[in-house]
Amino acid sequence: MANVVVVGSQWGDEGKGKIVDWLSERADVVVRFQGGHNAGHTLVIDGVTYKLSMLPSGVVRGGKVSLIGNGVVLDPWALMKEIENIGKQGIDVSPRNLRIAESAPLILPLHQNLDRAREEALGKAKIGTTGRGIGPAYEDKIARRAIRVGDLADMDVLADKVDKLLLHHNALLRGMNLPEADPVGILADLKAMAPRLLPYATTVWRELDDARRGGKRILFEGAQGTMLDIDHGTYPYVTSSNVVAGQAAVGSGQGPGAIDYVLGITKAYTTRVGAGPFPTELEDEVGRGLGERGKEFGTVTGRARRCGWFDAVLVRQAVTVNGIHGIALTKLDVLDGMKALKVCTGYRVDGELLDHLPASTVRQERVEPVFEVMEGWDESTRGARSWAVLPATAVKYIRRIEELIGAPVALLSTSPEREDTILVQDPFAD
């Protein structure tokens, strides 16, 4: 059976939550493979809105197994709060339907404090993180001093690990003239959390291997977007993990052969949260109109998203880096009623025409978009469930996007409701 990886092809917020939920009906297992609770997914099911950040989107579907892989950094307190909140909406989450890799690193309160302190110290040069400790937690993972889920099973060993962790962190805090972290308090918090978190701990890579051998369909759920990838994004204005499709295997303990189809979620225009380059950004009434119609506010932070025209250069780059087989084009209805639309087909930097975003931050700041103007449409596409009912100019817009990015539209989303989706190519087809 085919296994599908879902990744964002822009700067995140492309509508992955709805698409993953839509695909999860066809999947048996849904697994998160990177990121943390800095990424928000909004699902609308039968008129009910579910806001997820740490939990895989599959938890809202009965009979599905949801897994959190080793590539994720986990805030256990945020996780328990999210489980409690979604429980109030009638969704039961327990070790029966959610399991967590015992090797997943933990986000501690000291990571969040350090994250916020660094951003404040940067002032106007801040990166624009969510302040949730994602970056510092990944730093500790790479430096081999992280506290991991499985460590909570042995408090004697854990005490030594906390001491080694604080050897680094307290030196940083002293250097920033901030109070040092208290190992006694940290150990007490972790000891209280252990009986709540450990029942979810398991060997995720083995569960996934068993699922594959048993012919189960696996959906690998990514967070953020390709242009926020630590290696391939607009560095340093990026997240602290690899978010591209190749990470699906690494972050869940599978070989690359486990991936059969890569679906790139792509918004019909472009948005970005936080600082960093944005070649097609619209800082005018048109941009504000896109934000208002598209309800462009972050699920996690509530921050208004920056809006701009569709950037085919960035998405084409994402198609290549991820090996995307097809895209799910979302929020087409936000463009309804616009007389003219622009699509970025190339970049100009110091007179040189480029077909990709340069890695140099200096050159990125000097990028000038090259636009192609297309005719808009007056008719509504909202709620369309058939290709045949789409306006001819909307179809022309979609076809031009396919040509420019080098990938076909596999799914077309025309509203936040999961049923308002046009299937062109089934990613799970054998």
Protein backbone atom coordinates (compact mmCIF):
# COMPACT_ATOMS: atom_id res chain seq x y z
CA MET A 1 0.00 0.00 0.00
CA ALA A 2 1.21 3.53 -0.76
CA ASN A 3 2.61 5.67 2.06
CA VAL A 4 2.26 9.44 1.73
CA VAL A 5 4.33 12.34 3.08
CA VAL A 6 2.60 15.72 3.44
CA VAL A 7 4.86 18.78 3.46
CA GLY A 8 4.31 22.51 3.15
CA SER A 9 5.78 23.98 -0.03
CA GLN A 10 5.91 27.63 1.10
CA TRP A 11 6.44 29.23 4.54
CA GLY A 12 3.91 27.08 6.37
CA ASP A 13 0.23 27.86 7.03
CA GLU A 14 -0.69 26.36 3.66
CA GLY A 15 -3.67 24.43 5.03
CA LYS A 16 -1.96 21.14 5.89
CA GLY A 17 -4.36 20.41 8.75
CA LYS A 18 -7.42 20.04 6.55
CA ILE A 19 -5.58 18.05 3.87
CA VAL A 20 -4.03 15.68 6.42
CA ASP A 21 -7.44 15.19 8.00
CA TRP A 22 -8.94 14.53 4.55
CA LEU A 23 -6.21 11.99 3.76
CA SER A 24 -6.34 10.39 7.20
CA GLU A 25 -9.67 8.83 6.32
CA ARG A 26 -7.71 6.70 3.85
CA ALA A 27 -4.77 6.09 6.18
CA ASP A 28 -4.36 3.63 9.03
CA VAL A 29 -1.49 5.42 10.80
CA VAL A 30 -0.65 9.13 11.00
CA VAL A 31 2.80 10.16 12.23
CA ARG A 32 4.38 13.55 13.05
CA PHE A 33 8.08 13.50 12.15
CA GLN A 34 9.51 16.95 13.06
CA GLY A 35 8.85 20.26 14.76
CA GLY A 36 7.06 20.90 18.00
CA HIS A 37 4.04 22.76 19.32
CA ASN A 38 5.03 25.89 17.40
CA ALA A 39 3.08 24.61 14.38
CA GLY A 40 -0.69 24.92 14.39
CA HIS A 41 -3.20 22.92 12.38
CA THR A 42 -6.83 23.93 12.15
CA LEU A 43 -9.41 21.29 11.23
CA VAL A 44 -13.08 22.00 10.52
CA ILE A 45 -15.24 18.88 10.71
CA ASP A 46 -19.02 19.04 10.51
CA GLY A 47 -18.85 22.70 11.47
CA VAL A 48 -16.67 22.04 14.54
CA THR A 49 -13.21 23.64 14.62
CA TYR A 50 -10.31 21.76 16.18
CA LYS A 51 -7.00 23.54 16.78
CA LEU A 52 -4.02 21.22 17.08
CA SER A 53 -0.36 22.00 17.53
CA MET A 54 1.38 18.96 19.02
CA LEU A 55 -1.09 16.18 18.27
CA PRO A 56 -1.09 14.50 14.84
CA SER A 57 -4.23 15.40 12.89
CA GLY A 58 -5.30 11.76 12.83
CA VAL A 59 -6.46 11.91 16.46
CA VAL A 60 -9.80 13.38 15.42
CA ARG A 61 -10.55 10.27 13.35
CA GLY A 62 -11.75 7.16 15.10
CA GLY A 63 -9.88 3.93 14.48
CA LYS A 64 -6.60 5.60 13.54
CA VAL A 65 -3.25 5.27 15.28
CA SER A 66 -1.36 8.54 15.77
CA LEU A 67 2.37 8.55 16.40
CA ILE A 68 4.84 11.25 17.42
CA GLY A 69 8.26 10.38 16.01
CA ASN A 70 11.80 10.83 17.26
CA GLY A 71 12.27 13.90 15.07
CA VAL A 72 9.77 15.89 17.14
CA VAL A 73 10.68 17.97 20.19
CA LEU A 74 7.95 17.48 22.77
CA ASP A 75 6.63 19.84 25.42
CA PRO A 76 4.86 17.34 27.72
CA TRP A 77 2.91 20.03 29.60
CA ALA A 78 1.62 21.54 26.36
CA LEU A 79 0.76 18.05 25.11
CA MET A 80 -1.29 17.19 28.19
CA LYS A 81 -3.09 20.53 27.98
CA GLU A 82 -3.91 19.89 24.34
CA ILE A 83 -5.20 16.40 25.12
CA GLU A 84 -7.37 17.91 27.87
CA ASN A 85 -8.72 20.64 25.58
CA ILE A 86 -9.58 18.35 22.70
CA GLY A 87 -11.18 15.97 25.19
CA LYS A 88 -13.66 18.72 26.01
CA GLN A 89 -14.70 18.58 22.35
CA GLY A 90 -15.45 14.88 22.58
CA ILE A 91 -12.15 13.54 21.19
CA ASP A 92 -10.64 10.81 23.34
CA VAL A 93 -6.84 10.64 23.26
CA SER A 94 -5.10 7.86 25.16
CA PRO A 95 -2.24 5.38 24.68
CA ARG A 96 -4.71 3.32 22.65
CA ASN A 97 -4.61 5.81 19.78
CA LEU A 98 -1.52 7.96 20.51
CA ARG A 99 2.03 6.78 20.99
CA ILE A 100 5.24 8.77 21.36
CA ALA A 101 8.81 7.82 20.48
CA GLU A 102 10.77 7.16 23.65
CA SER A 103 13.74 8.88 21.99
CA ALA A 104 11.88 12.16 21.37
CA PRO A 105 13.63 15.08 23.17
CA LEU A 106 11.67 17.12 25.69
CA ILE A 107 11.08 20.85 25.69
CA LEU A 108 11.48 22.15 29.24
CA PRO A 109 10.41 25.53 30.66
CA LEU A 110 14.06 26.61 30.64
CA HIS A 111 14.05 26.22 26.83
CA GLN A 112 11.11 28.58 26.51
CA ASN A 113 12.67 31.12 28.86
CA LEU A 114 15.93 31.06 26.90
CA ASP A 115 14.07 31.34 23.58
CA ARG A 116 12.18 34.45 24.68
CA ALA A 117 15.25 36.03 26.30
CA ARG A 118 17.27 35.65 23.10
CA GLU A 119 14.53 37.16 20.95
CA GLU A 120 14.22 40.11 23.31
CA ALA A 121 17.97 40.64 23.26
CA LEU A 122 17.99 40.71 19.43
CA GLY A 123 15.54 43.64 19.36
CA LYS A 124 14.71 44.68 15.81
CA ALA A 125 16.93 41.89 14.45
CA LYS A 126 14.81 39.18 16.07
CA ILE A 127 14.07 36.07 14.02
CA GLY A 128 10.39 35.92 14.92
CA THR A 129 10.24 32.61 16.79
CA THR A 130 7.11 31.59 18.69
CA GLY A 131 9.09 31.65 21.94
CA ARG A 132 8.08 28.07 22.70
CA GLY A 133 11.58 26.69 23.17
CA ILE A 134 11.82 24.77 19.91
CA GLY A 135 15.26 26.06 18.89
CA PRO A 136 16.97 25.62 22.27
CA ALA A 137 15.51 22.10 22.58
CA TYR A 138 16.93 21.10 19.20
CA GLU A 139 20.27 22.64 20.20
CA ASP A 140 20.40 20.39 23.25
CA LYS A 141 19.50 17.38 21.11
CA ILE A 142 22.37 18.02 18.69
CA ALA A 143 24.76 18.73 21.59
CA ARG A 144 23.81 15.33 23.12
CA ARG A 145 22.56 16.77 26.40
CA ALA A 146 18.77 16.57 25.83
CA ILE A 147 16.33 14.97 28.25
CA ARG A 148 14.30 12.44 26.26
CA VAL A 149 10.93 10.83 26.87
CA GLY A 150 12.42 7.50 27.95
CA ASP A 151 14.71 9.20 30.49
CA LEU A 152 11.70 9.80 32.75
CA ALA A 153 11.64 6.09 33.58
CA ASP A 154 14.78 6.34 35.75
CA MET A 155 14.86 9.25 38.20
CA ASP A 156 18.36 8.47 39.49
CA VAL A 157 19.87 8.71 36.02
CA LEU A 158 17.65 11.69 35.24
CA ALA A 159 19.14 13.75 38.07
CA ASP A 160 22.60 13.38 36.56
CA LYS A 161 21.28 14.31 33.11
CA VAL A 162 19.64 17.46 34.47
CA ASP A 163 22.90 18.49 36.15
CA LYS A 164 24.78 18.09 32.86
CA LEU A 165 22.07 20.04 31.02
CA LEU A 166 22.23 22.91 33.51
CA LEU A 167 26.02 23.06 33.30
CA HIS A 168 25.43 24.54 29.86
CA HIS A 169 22.20 26.44 30.42
CA ASN A 170 23.20 28.17 33.63
CA ALA A 171 26.40 29.38 32.01
CA LEU A 172 24.26 30.95 29.27
CA LEU A 173 21.89 32.49 31.79
CA ARG A 174 24.75 33.98 33.80
CA GLY A 175 26.13 35.49 30.63
CA MET A 176 22.77 37.13 29.97
CA ASN A 177 22.45 38.36 33.58
CA LEU A 178 19.41 36.14 34.12
CA PRO A 179 18.57 33.93 37.14
CA GLU A 180 19.95 30.41 36.96
CA ALA A 181 17.66 27.40 36.55
CA ASP A 182 16.93 25.31 39.63
CA PRO A 183 17.67 21.57 39.21
CA VAL A 184 15.45 20.65 42.17
CA GLY A 185 12.43 22.33 40.62
CA ILE A 186 13.10 20.80 37.19
CA LEU A 187 13.40 17.30 38.67
CA ALA A 188 10.21 17.76 40.66
CA ASP A 189 8.32 18.84 37.54
CA LEU A 190 9.63 15.89 35.53
CA LYS A 191 8.89 13.44 38.33
CA ALA A 192 5.28 14.65 38.42
CA MET A 193 5.03 14.38 34.63
CA ALA A 194 6.57 10.89 34.32
CA PRO A 195 3.46 8.80 35.22
CA ARG A 196 1.35 10.88 32.83
CA LEU A 197 3.73 10.74 29.85
CA LEU A 198 5.39 7.32 30.06
CA PRO A 199 2.22 5.31 29.22
CA TYR A 200 2.40 6.88 25.75
CA ALA A 201 6.08 6.00 25.21
CA THR A 202 6.93 3.30 22.69
CA THR A 203 9.39 2.27 19.98
CA VAL A 204 7.83 4.19 17.11
CA TRP A 205 10.18 2.93 14.42
CA ARG A 206 9.19 -0.65 15.21
CA GLU A 207 5.48 0.13 15.23
CA LEU A 208 5.83 1.77 11.82
CA ASP A 209 7.83 -1.15 10.46
CA ASP A 210 5.15 -3.56 11.67
CA ALA A 211 2.47 -1.38 10.07
CA ARG A 212 4.30 -1.34 6.74
CA ARG A 213 4.82 -5.10 6.78
CA GLY A 214 1.16 -5.51 7.63
CA GLY A 215 0.09 -3.55 4.56
CA LYS A 216 -1.12 -0.51 6.50
CA ARG A 217 -1.29 2.91 4.88
CA ILE A 218 0.93 5.44 6.64
CA LEU A 219 0.52 9.20 6.44
CA PHE A 220 3.63 11.20 7.43
CA GLU A 221 2.53 14.64 8.63
CA GLY A 222 4.96 17.53 8.37
CA ALA A 223 4.80 20.92 10.08
CA GLN A 224 5.86 24.39 8.90
CA GLY A 225 6.94 24.74 5.24
CA THR A 226 9.94 24.10 3.01
CA MET A 227 11.10 27.72 3.11
CA LEU A 228 11.40 27.41 6.89
CA ASP A 229 13.70 24.38 6.65
CA ILE A 230 16.95 24.82 8.59
CA ASP A 231 19.00 23.90 5.48
CA HIS A 232 16.80 24.83 2.54
CA GLY A 233 14.82 27.79 3.87
CA THR A 234 15.42 31.53 4.16
CA TYR A 235 18.16 31.11 6.77
CA PRO A 236 18.42 32.42 9.49
CA TYR A 237 14.69 33.21 9.44
CA VAL A 238 13.79 29.53 9.66
CA THR A 239 12.73 26.90 12.14
CA SER A 240 15.29 24.67 13.88
CA SER A 241 14.56 21.39 12.12
CA ASN A 242 14.47 19.87 8.67
CA VAL A 243 10.90 20.07 7.42
CA VAL A 244 11.41 18.60 3.94
CA ALA A 245 10.12 15.20 2.84
CA GLY A 246 13.42 13.39 3.45
CA GLN A 247 13.01 14.11 7.17
CA ALA A 248 9.87 11.96 7.24
CA ALA A 249 12.05 8.86 7.14
CA VAL A 250 14.73 10.14 9.53
CA GLY A 251 12.25 11.64 12.00
CA SER A 252 10.22 8.45 12.32
CA GLY A 253 12.89 5.78 12.04
CA GLN A 254 12.15 4.49 8.55
CA GLY A 255 14.24 4.00 5.45
CA PRO A 256 13.71 6.21 2.40
CA GLY A 257 11.91 3.32 0.71
CA ALA A 258 9.01 3.86 3.09
CA ILE A 259 7.97 6.96 1.13
CA ASP A 260 5.86 6.35 -1.97
CA TYR A 261 4.27 9.74 -2.64
CA VAL A 262 5.11 13.30 -1.58
CA LEU A 263 2.21 15.75 -1.50
CA GLY A 264 3.12 19.43 -1.27
CA ILE A 265 0.47 21.63 0.30
CA THR A 266 0.43 24.91 -1.61
CA LYS A 267 -1.65 28.02 -1.01
CA ALA A 268 -3.05 29.78 -4.12
CA TYR A 269 -1.22 32.90 -2.94
CA THR A 270 1.66 33.29 -0.48
CA THR A 271 1.83 34.06 3.25
CA ARG A 272 4.50 34.28 5.89
CA VAL A 273 4.54 34.77 9.67
CA GLY A 274 7.42 36.56 11.34
CA ALA A 275 10.54 38.21 9.96
CA GLY A 276 12.52 37.32 6.87
CA PRO A 277 12.55 37.89 3.11
CA PHE A 278 9.26 37.75 1.20
CA PRO A 279 9.75 38.73 -2.49
CA THR A 280 6.06 38.92 -3.46
CA GLU A 281 4.76 40.57 -0.28
CA LEU A 282 1.92 43.06 -0.70
CA GLU A 283 1.98 45.86 1.84
CA ASP A 284 -1.14 47.53 0.47
CA GLU A 285 -4.92 47.14 0.35
CA VAL A 286 -4.63 44.08 -1.90
CA GLY A 287 -2.43 42.32 0.65
CA ARG A 288 -4.66 43.31 3.53
CA GLY A 289 -7.67 42.08 1.56
CA LEU A 290 -6.08 38.67 1.07
CA GLY A 291 -5.39 38.49 4.80
CA GLU A 292 -8.96 39.42 5.74
CA ARG A 293 -10.65 37.06 3.28
CA GLY A 294 -8.23 34.24 4.04
CA LYS A 295 -8.44 34.78 7.83
CA GLU A 296 -4.67 34.85 7.89
CA PHE A 297 -3.86 34.68 11.58
CA GLY A 298 -1.51 32.10 13.12
CA THR A 299 -3.22 29.15 14.84
CA VAL A 300 -0.58 29.07 17.59
CA THR A 301 0.46 32.72 17.95
CA GLY A 302 -2.55 34.64 16.63
CA ARG A 303 -0.12 36.86 14.72
CA ALA A 304 -1.32 38.35 11.43
CA ARG A 305 0.35 36.73 8.44
CA ARG A 306 2.08 38.73 5.77
CA CYS A 307 0.38 38.19 2.39
CA GLY A 308 1.54 38.33 -1.22
CA TRP A 309 1.11 36.99 -4.72
CA PHE A 310 1.79 33.37 -5.65
CA ASP A 311 5.53 32.76 -5.91
CA ALA A 312 6.12 30.02 -8.47
CA VAL A 313 9.90 30.29 -8.02
CA LEU A 314 9.74 29.26 -4.36
CA VAL A 315 7.25 26.46 -4.97
CA ARG A 316 9.23 25.12 -7.93
CA GLN A 317 12.28 25.03 -5.67
CA ALA A 318 10.24 23.19 -3.02
CA VAL A 319 9.04 20.68 -5.62
CA THR A 320 12.65 19.83 -6.43
CA VAL A 321 14.00 19.74 -2.88
CA ASN A 322 11.15 17.54 -1.62
CA GLY A 323 10.67 15.36 -4.69
CA ILE A 324 7.01 16.43 -4.73
CA HIS A 325 4.80 14.25 -6.92
CA GLY A 326 1.73 16.48 -6.77
CA ILE A 327 0.38 19.46 -4.87
CA ALA A 328 -2.77 20.16 -2.90
CA LEU A 329 -3.76 23.69 -3.91
CA THR A 330 -5.62 25.43 -1.09
CA LYS A 331 -7.59 28.65 -0.54
CA LEU A 332 -8.37 29.21 -4.21
CA ASP A 333 -11.65 30.82 -3.10
CA VAL A 334 -9.76 33.69 -1.43
CA LEU A 335 -8.92 34.94 -4.93
CA ASP A 336 -12.59 35.09 -5.98
CA GLY A 337 -13.66 38.49 -7.28
CA MET A 338 -10.17 39.80 -8.02
CA LYS A 339 -9.96 41.39 -11.47
CA ALA A 340 -6.28 40.64 -12.03
CA LEU A 341 -3.83 38.25 -10.43
CA LYS A 342 -0.06 38.25 -10.46
CA VAL A 343 2.25 35.23 -10.39
CA CYS A 344 5.98 35.51 -9.74
CA THR A 345 7.83 33.62 -12.49
CA GLY A 346 11.41 34.66 -11.74
CA TYR A 347 13.69 36.89 -9.70
CA ARG A 348 15.98 39.74 -10.63
CA VAL A 349 18.97 40.47 -8.40
CA ASP A 350 21.31 43.31 -9.36
CA GLY A 351 20.20 42.95 -12.98
CA GLU A 352 20.72 39.17 -13.05
CA LEU A 353 17.68 36.97 -13.75
CA LEU A 354 17.43 33.98 -11.38
CA ASP A 355 15.17 30.93 -11.40
CA HIS A 356 15.69 30.18 -7.68
CA LEU A 357 16.04 31.95 -4.34
CA PRO A 358 19.75 32.55 -3.62
CA ALA A 359 21.13 31.22 -0.35
CA SER A 360 22.89 34.48 0.48
CA THR A 361 20.86 36.56 2.93
CA VAL A 362 22.28 39.73 1.39
CA ARG A 363 21.12 38.73 -2.09
CA GLN A 364 17.75 37.58 -0.78
CA GLU A 365 17.11 41.09 0.50
CA ARG A 366 17.78 42.50 -2.99
CA VAL A 367 15.47 40.12 -4.84
CA GLU A 368 12.96 41.80 -7.15
CA PRO A 369 10.09 39.58 -8.35
CA VAL A 370 9.30 39.22 -12.05
CA PHE A 371 5.53 39.03 -12.43
CA GLU A 372 3.15 37.62 -14.98
CA VAL A 373 -0.34 39.15 -14.89
CA MET A 374 -3.36 36.88 -15.30
CA GLU A 375 -7.09 37.50 -15.56
CA GLY A 376 -9.12 36.93 -12.41
CA TRP A 377 -12.70 35.68 -12.07
CA ASP A 378 -15.94 37.07 -10.68
CA GLU A 379 -17.65 33.75 -9.95
CA SER A 380 -17.38 31.99 -6.59
CA THR A 381 -15.22 28.88 -6.27
CA ARG A 382 -15.99 28.44 -2.58
CA GLY A 383 -17.32 24.98 -1.81
CA ALA A 384 -16.75 23.65 -5.33
CA ARG A 385 -16.50 19.87 -5.38
CA SER A 386 -16.12 19.30 -9.09
CA TRP A 387 -13.59 20.55 -11.60
CA ALA A 388 -16.41 21.17 -14.06
CA VAL A 389 -18.02 23.93 -11.96
CA LEU A 390 -14.85 26.03 -11.69
CA PRO A 391 -14.70 29.27 -13.70
CA ALA A 392 -12.64 28.92 -16.90
CA THR A 393 -10.21 31.62 -15.77
CA ALA A 394 -9.69 29.85 -12.44
CA VAL A 395 -8.84 26.65 -14.31
CA LYS A 396 -6.43 28.66 -16.49
CA TYR A 397 -4.77 30.04 -13.33
CA ILE A 398 -4.37 26.53 -11.92
CA ARG A 399 -2.95 25.15 -15.18
CA ARG A 400 -0.42 27.97 -15.37
CA ILE A 401 0.71 27.26 -11.81
CA GLU A 402 1.21 23.58 -12.72
CA GLU A 403 3.38 24.59 -15.69
CA LEU A 404 5.49 26.99 -13.66
CA ILE A 405 6.17 24.71 -10.68
CA GLY A 406 6.61 21.47 -12.61
CA ALA A 407 4.06 19.45 -10.64
CA PRO A 408 0.37 18.64 -11.12
CA VAL A 409 -2.49 19.58 -8.83
CA ALA A 410 -3.51 16.34 -7.10
CA LEU A 411 -6.05 17.93 -4.76
CA LEU A 412 -7.89 21.21 -4.84
CA SER A 413 -9.33 22.69 -1.64
CA THR A 414 -12.12 25.26 -2.00
CA SER A 415 -13.03 25.94 1.66
CA PRO A 416 -11.94 24.90 5.19
CA GLU A 417 -14.61 22.15 5.19
CA ARG A 418 -13.03 18.78 4.47
CA GLU A 419 -15.76 17.78 1.98
CA ASP A 420 -15.03 20.82 -0.18
CA THR A 421 -12.10 19.08 -1.86
CA ILE A 422 -11.66 18.06 -5.48
CA LEU A 423 -9.62 14.88 -5.93
CA VAL A 424 -7.63 14.80 -9.16
CA GLN A 425 -4.98 12.23 -8.25
CA ASP A 426 -5.21 9.95 -5.23
CA PRO A 427 -1.86 10.00 -3.39
CA PHE A 428 -2.70 6.65 -1.78
CA ALA A 429 -3.32 4.90 -5.10
CA ASP A 430 -0.99 1.95 -5.58
